[in-house]
Amino acid sequence: MTSPVLQALANARAQEEEQRELSICSSVATRLNLPAVEGDTSEWPVFAAWCHANNIRPYPARPASVAYFVLDNLLLGIDRLRSILRSVSVVHQNVADPTLGPAVAAALHQIAPIAPPRSWPKQQKSHFLELSYETQAWYAQHEDKREKEVRRAQNEAAELRNKLKKIERKDAESKNAA
């Protein structure tokens, strides 16, 4: 058993360390002109309640804890889980974001896998899966949009080449007829 005095001293030391960390984060953000992180934290209680029910520390959370949360709540669906993870990310703005690790991305892939873009070399495709799930989703959407635009431009160019060939044939036929 620990004495209440020792427990109070430990709590005071933890609070001092947290205040020092917040001060460092604030100083760095000021020197680098970083904008304040803003966002919706309304889903945070879902994660915090799950942590308390599973005897896991919600703040600061570890990536493995967040991945465990995802795996334990797959039935919530990808959209709800991503919303909860955005709240967890916002709450963790002054510490390392536990939602960005490859473990969390791999857990989210259990619900909605994202294939690496075809443009990536085979050797690099494993690195794609190490990116955060949000980055993977953005990149995959961006690549898909880019591929569609390139395909559209290629089809348009092919149409114009065909039209040009028809015009050239007509010109050649009219010269031959004359």
C-alpha atoms as a PDB file:
ATOM      1  CA  MET A   1       0.000   0.000   0.000  1.00  0.00           C
ATOM      2  CA  THR A   2       1.187   3.489  -0.777  1.00  0.00           C
ATOM      3  CA  SER A   3       0.656   6.361   1.578  1.00  0.00           C
ATOM      4  CA  PRO A   4      -1.601   9.246   0.576  1.00  0.00           C
ATOM      5  CA  VAL A   5       1.331  11.627   0.980  1.00  0.00           C
ATOM      6  CA  LEU A   6       3.482   9.670  -1.492  1.00  0.00           C
ATOM      7  CA  GLN A   7       0.565   9.456  -3.910  1.00  0.00           C
ATOM      8  CA  ALA A   8       0.024  13.224  -3.667  1.00  0.00           C
ATOM      9  CA  LEU A   9       3.739  13.846  -4.324  1.00  0.00           C
ATOM     10  CA  ALA A  10       3.649  11.536  -7.352  1.00  0.00           C
ATOM     11  CA  ASN A  11       0.560  13.335  -8.692  1.00  0.00           C
ATOM     12  CA  ALA A  12       2.213  16.734  -8.162  1.00  0.00           C
ATOM     13  CA  ARG A  13       5.343  15.589 -10.007  1.00  0.00           C
ATOM     14  CA  ALA A  14       3.220  14.249 -12.905  1.00  0.00           C
ATOM     15  CA  GLN A  15       1.373  17.577 -13.130  1.00  0.00           C
ATOM     16  CA  GLU A  16       4.660  19.500 -13.141  1.00  0.00           C
ATOM     17  CA  GLU A  17       5.984  17.311 -15.973  1.00  0.00           C
ATOM     18  CA  GLU A  18       2.784  17.776 -17.944  1.00  0.00           C
ATOM     19  CA  GLN A  19       2.942  21.565 -17.477  1.00  0.00           C
ATOM     20  CA  ARG A  20       6.588  21.565 -18.606  1.00  0.00           C
ATOM     21  CA  GLU A  21       5.668  19.543 -21.712  1.00  0.00           C
ATOM     22  CA  LEU A  22       2.776  21.900 -22.515  1.00  0.00           C
ATOM     23  CA  SER A  23       5.107  24.872 -22.105  1.00  0.00           C
ATOM     24  CA  ILE A  24       7.637  23.309 -24.504  1.00  0.00           C
ATOM     25  CA  CYS A  25       4.892  22.523 -27.032  1.00  0.00           C
ATOM     26  CA  SER A  26       3.593  26.079 -26.798  1.00  0.00           C
ATOM     27  CA  SER A  27       7.085  27.533 -27.219  1.00  0.00           C
ATOM     28  CA  VAL A  28       7.813  25.373 -30.265  1.00  0.00           C
ATOM     29  CA  ALA A  29       4.449  26.190 -31.839  1.00  0.00           C
ATOM     30  CA  THR A  30       5.103  29.905 -31.339  1.00  0.00           C
ATOM     31  CA  ARG A  31       8.629  29.783 -32.777  1.00  0.00           C
ATOM     32  CA  LEU A  32       7.481  27.789 -35.816  1.00  0.00           C
ATOM     33  CA  ASN A  33       4.298  29.853 -36.314  1.00  0.00           C
ATOM     34  CA  LEU A  34       2.182  26.698 -36.168  1.00  0.00           C
ATOM     35  CA  PRO A  35      -1.557  27.271 -36.168  1.00  0.00           C
ATOM     36  CA  ALA A  36      -3.563  26.087 -33.186  1.00  0.00           C
ATOM     37  CA  VAL A  37      -5.124  22.701 -33.775  1.00  0.00           C
ATOM     38  CA  GLU A  38      -8.869  22.972 -33.843  1.00  0.00           C
ATOM     39  CA  GLY A  39     -11.413  20.299 -34.385  1.00  0.00           C
ATOM     40  CA  ASP A  40     -14.342  18.368 -33.105  1.00  0.00           C
ATOM     41  CA  THR A  41     -13.768  16.473 -29.864  1.00  0.00           C
ATOM     42  CA  SER A  42     -17.351  15.270 -29.478  1.00  0.00           C
ATOM     43  CA  GLU A  43     -16.369  11.638 -30.126  1.00  0.00           C
ATOM     44  CA  TRP A  44     -13.563  11.667 -27.516  1.00  0.00           C
ATOM     45  CA  PRO A  45     -15.845  10.314 -24.730  1.00  0.00           C
ATOM     46  CA  VAL A  46     -16.430   7.127 -26.763  1.00  0.00           C
ATOM     47  CA  PHE A  47     -12.711   6.366 -26.802  1.00  0.00           C
ATOM     48  CA  ALA A  48     -12.175   7.498 -23.191  1.00  0.00           C
ATOM     49  CA  ALA A  49     -15.055   5.329 -21.919  1.00  0.00           C
ATOM     50  CA  TRP A  50     -13.728   2.307 -23.805  1.00  0.00           C
ATOM     51  CA  CYS A  51     -10.270   2.922 -22.309  1.00  0.00           C
ATOM     52  CA  HIS A  52     -11.646   3.130 -18.779  1.00  0.00           C
ATOM     53  CA  ALA A  53     -13.701  -0.032 -19.316  1.00  0.00           C
ATOM     54  CA  ASN A  54     -10.556  -1.837 -20.484  1.00  0.00           C
ATOM     55  CA  ASN A  55      -8.235  -0.330 -17.837  1.00  0.00           C
ATOM     56  CA  ILE A  56      -6.209   1.547 -20.480  1.00  0.00           C
ATOM     57  CA  ARG A  57      -4.918   5.093 -20.092  1.00  0.00           C
ATOM     58  CA  PRO A  58      -6.789   7.308 -22.592  1.00  0.00           C
ATOM     59  CA  TYR A  59      -4.391  10.273 -22.428  1.00  0.00           C
ATOM     60  CA  PRO A  60      -1.781  10.216 -23.600  1.00  0.00           C
ATOM     61  CA  ALA A  61      -2.822   7.157 -25.521  1.00  0.00           C
ATOM     62  CA  ARG A  62      -0.421   4.803 -27.226  1.00  0.00           C
ATOM     63  CA  PRO A  63      -0.836   3.785 -30.879  1.00  0.00           C
ATOM     64  CA  ALA A  64      -1.265   0.150 -29.824  1.00  0.00           C
ATOM     65  CA  SER A  65      -4.165   1.167 -27.536  1.00  0.00           C
ATOM     66  CA  VAL A  66      -5.834   3.064 -30.381  1.00  0.00           C
ATOM     67  CA  ALA A  67      -5.333   0.103 -32.737  1.00  0.00           C
ATOM     68  CA  TYR A  68      -6.801  -2.198 -30.073  1.00  0.00           C
ATOM     69  CA  PHE A  69      -9.796   0.147 -29.790  1.00  0.00           C
ATOM     70  CA  VAL A  70     -10.322  -0.031 -33.567  1.00  0.00           C
ATOM     71  CA  LEU A  71     -10.048  -3.834 -33.624  1.00  0.00           C
ATOM     72  CA  ASP A  72     -12.423  -4.116 -30.670  1.00  0.00           C
ATOM     73  CA  ASN A  73     -14.990  -1.832 -32.345  1.00  0.00           C
ATOM     74  CA  LEU A  74     -14.959  -2.898 -36.004  1.00  0.00           C
ATOM     75  CA  LEU A  75     -18.745  -3.020 -36.022  1.00  0.00           C
ATOM     76  CA  LEU A  76     -18.916   0.762 -35.622  1.00  0.00           C
ATOM     77  CA  GLY A  77     -17.874   1.031 -39.263  1.00  0.00           C
ATOM     78  CA  ILE A  78     -15.116   2.950 -40.955  1.00  0.00           C
ATOM     79  CA  ASP A  79     -16.830   6.364 -41.003  1.00  0.00           C
ATOM     80  CA  ARG A  80     -17.651   6.351 -37.277  1.00  0.00           C
ATOM     81  CA  LEU A  81     -14.214   5.027 -36.340  1.00  0.00           C
ATOM     82  CA  ARG A  82     -12.503   7.705 -38.432  1.00  0.00           C
ATOM     83  CA  SER A  83     -14.644  10.341 -36.707  1.00  0.00           C
ATOM     84  CA  ILE A  84     -13.658   9.002 -33.271  1.00  0.00           C
ATOM     85  CA  LEU A  85      -9.996   8.905 -34.283  1.00  0.00           C
ATOM     86  CA  ARG A  86     -10.156  12.529 -35.462  1.00  0.00           C
ATOM     87  CA  SER A  87     -11.410  13.474 -31.982  1.00  0.00           C
ATOM     88  CA  VAL A  88      -8.628  11.458 -30.353  1.00  0.00           C
ATOM     89  CA  SER A  89      -6.126  13.229 -32.594  1.00  0.00           C
ATOM     90  CA  VAL A  90      -7.430  16.691 -31.655  1.00  0.00           C
ATOM     91  CA  VAL A  91      -7.335  15.855 -27.944  1.00  0.00           C
ATOM     92  CA  HIS A  92      -3.695  14.773 -28.349  1.00  0.00           C
ATOM     93  CA  GLN A  93      -2.557  18.028 -29.984  1.00  0.00           C
ATOM     94  CA  ASN A  94       0.099  18.681 -27.328  1.00  0.00           C
ATOM     95  CA  VAL A  95       1.576  15.188 -27.368  1.00  0.00           C
ATOM     96  CA  ALA A  96       2.444  12.643 -30.039  1.00  0.00           C
ATOM     97  CA  ASP A  97      -0.673  11.774 -32.032  1.00  0.00           C
ATOM     98  CA  PRO A  98      -1.417   8.089 -31.349  1.00  0.00           C
ATOM     99  CA  THR A  99      -3.718   7.784 -34.376  1.00  0.00           C
ATOM    100  CA  LEU A 100      -0.944   8.187 -36.946  1.00  0.00           C
ATOM    101  CA  GLY A 101       0.957   4.955 -36.427  1.00  0.00           C
ATOM    102  CA  PRO A 102       1.037   2.005 -38.811  1.00  0.00           C
ATOM    103  CA  ALA A 103      -0.719  -0.177 -36.221  1.00  0.00           C
ATOM    104  CA  VAL A 104      -3.801   2.036 -36.375  1.00  0.00           C
ATOM    105  CA  ALA A 105      -3.715   2.096 -40.192  1.00  0.00           C
ATOM    106  CA  ALA A 106      -3.416  -1.709 -40.255  1.00  0.00           C
ATOM    107  CA  ALA A 107      -6.376  -2.017 -37.873  1.00  0.00           C
ATOM    108  CA  LEU A 108      -8.497   0.284 -40.070  1.00  0.00           C
ATOM    109  CA  HIS A 109      -7.516  -1.852 -43.061  1.00  0.00           C
ATOM    110  CA  GLN A 110      -9.452  -4.683 -41.398  1.00  0.00           C
ATOM    111  CA  ILE A 111     -12.628  -2.750 -42.288  1.00  0.00           C
ATOM    112  CA  ALA A 112     -11.782  -0.808 -45.428  1.00  0.00           C
ATOM    113  CA  PRO A 113      -8.467  -1.677 -47.054  1.00  0.00           C
ATOM    114  CA  ILE A 114      -6.883   0.899 -49.332  1.00  0.00           C
ATOM    115  CA  ALA A 115      -4.722  -0.483 -52.108  1.00  0.00           C
ATOM    116  CA  PRO A 116      -1.435   1.281 -52.772  1.00  0.00           C
ATOM    117  CA  PRO A 117      -1.612   3.389 -55.946  1.00  0.00           C
ATOM    118  CA  ARG A 118      -0.620   1.598 -59.145  1.00  0.00           C
ATOM    119  CA  SER A 119       1.910   4.342 -59.837  1.00  0.00           C
ATOM    120  CA  TRP A 120       4.017   3.306 -56.838  1.00  0.00           C
ATOM    121  CA  PRO A 121       6.915   0.903 -57.543  1.00  0.00           C
ATOM    122  CA  LYS A 122       6.469  -2.559 -56.013  1.00  0.00           C
ATOM    123  CA  GLN A 123       9.359  -1.978 -53.608  1.00  0.00           C
ATOM    124  CA  GLN A 124       7.609   1.117 -52.217  1.00  0.00           C
ATOM    125  CA  LYS A 125       4.097  -0.294 -51.847  1.00  0.00           C
ATOM    126  CA  SER A 126       4.842  -1.634 -48.355  1.00  0.00           C
ATOM    127  CA  HIS A 127       5.761   1.935 -47.314  1.00  0.00           C
ATOM    128  CA  PHE A 128       2.326   3.127 -48.428  1.00  0.00           C
ATOM    129  CA  LEU A 129       0.772   0.901 -45.771  1.00  0.00           C
ATOM    130  CA  GLU A 130       2.971   2.556 -43.124  1.00  0.00           C
ATOM    131  CA  LEU A 131       1.361   5.953 -43.765  1.00  0.00           C
ATOM    132  CA  SER A 132      -1.529   7.066 -41.589  1.00  0.00           C
ATOM    133  CA  TYR A 133      -4.904   5.840 -42.809  1.00  0.00           C
ATOM    134  CA  GLU A 134      -6.065   9.413 -43.476  1.00  0.00           C
ATOM    135  CA  THR A 135      -2.990  10.065 -45.630  1.00  0.00           C
ATOM    136  CA  GLN A 136      -3.527   6.786 -47.493  1.00  0.00           C
ATOM    137  CA  ALA A 137      -7.169   7.680 -48.132  1.00  0.00           C
ATOM    138  CA  TRP A 138      -6.264  11.159 -49.394  1.00  0.00           C
ATOM    139  CA  TYR A 139      -3.445   9.879 -51.578  1.00  0.00           C
ATOM    140  CA  ALA A 140      -5.559   7.071 -53.075  1.00  0.00           C
ATOM    141  CA  GLN A 141      -8.389   9.511 -53.845  1.00  0.00           C
ATOM    142  CA  HIS A 142      -5.928  11.998 -55.345  1.00  0.00           C
ATOM    143  CA  GLU A 143      -4.291   9.317 -57.517  1.00  0.00           C
ATOM    144  CA  ASP A 144      -7.676   8.036 -58.685  1.00  0.00           C
ATOM    145  CA  LYS A 145      -8.736  11.561 -59.652  1.00  0.00           C
ATOM    146  CA  ARG A 146      -5.399  12.141 -61.426  1.00  0.00           C
ATOM    147  CA  GLU A 147      -5.668   8.863 -63.361  1.00  0.00           C
ATOM    148  CA  LYS A 148      -9.198   9.714 -64.498  1.00  0.00           C
ATOM    149  CA  GLU A 149      -8.076  13.158 -65.639  1.00  0.00           C
ATOM    150  CA  VAL A 150      -5.106  11.704 -67.548  1.00  0.00           C
ATOM    151  CA  ARG A 151      -7.388   9.108 -69.161  1.00  0.00           C
ATOM    152  CA  ARG A 152      -9.881  11.831 -70.124  1.00  0.00           C
ATOM    153  CA  ALA A 153      -7.093  13.939 -71.660  1.00  0.00           C
ATOM    154  CA  GLN A 154      -5.741  10.938 -73.569  1.00  0.00           C
ATOM    155  CA  ASN A 155      -9.216  10.142 -74.947  1.00  0.00           C
ATOM    156  CA  GLU A 156      -9.684  13.767 -75.944  1.00  0.00           C
ATOM    157  CA  ALA A 157      -6.297  13.784 -77.701  1.00  0.00           C
ATOM    158  CA  ALA A 158      -7.168  10.556 -79.528  1.00  0.00           C
ATOM    159  CA  GLU A 159     -10.479  12.066 -80.687  1.00  0.00           C
ATOM    160  CA  LEU A 160      -8.722  15.172 -81.962  1.00  0.00           C
ATOM    161  CA  ARG A 161      -6.112  13.043 -83.795  1.00  0.00           C
ATOM    162  CA  ASN A 162      -8.914  11.088 -85.486  1.00  0.00           C
ATOM    163  CA  LYS A 163     -10.655  14.311 -86.507  1.00  0.00           C
ATOM    164  CA  LEU A 164      -7.374  15.677 -87.863  1.00  0.00           C
ATOM    165  CA  LYS A 165      -6.806  12.466 -89.871  1.00  0.00           C
ATOM    166  CA  LYS A 166     -10.304  12.760 -91.365  1.00  0.00           C
ATOM    167  CA  ILE A 167      -9.646  16.381 -92.338  1.00  0.00           C
ATOM    168  CA  GLU A 168      -6.281  15.441 -93.862  1.00  0.00           C
ATOM    169  CA  ARG A 169      -7.937  12.593 -95.840  1.00  0.00           C
ATOM    170  CA  LYS A 170     -10.622  14.931 -97.140  1.00  0.00           C
ATOM    171  CA  ASP A 171      -7.961  17.472 -98.163  1.00  0.00           C
ATOM    172  CA  ALA A 172      -5.952  14.741 -99.916  1.00  0.00           C
ATOM    173  CA  GLU A 173      -9.097  13.449-101.674  1.00  0.00           C
ATOM    174  CA  SER A 174     -10.078  16.951-102.814  1.00  0.00           C
ATOM    175  CA  LYS A 175      -6.531  17.551-104.172  1.00  0.00           C
ATOM    176  CA  ASN A 176      -6.627  14.232-105.999  1.00  0.00           C
ATOM    177  CA  ALA A 177     -10.064  15.021-107.444  1.00  0.00           C
ATOM    178  CA  ALA A 178      -8.886  18.392-108.701  1.00  0.00           C
END
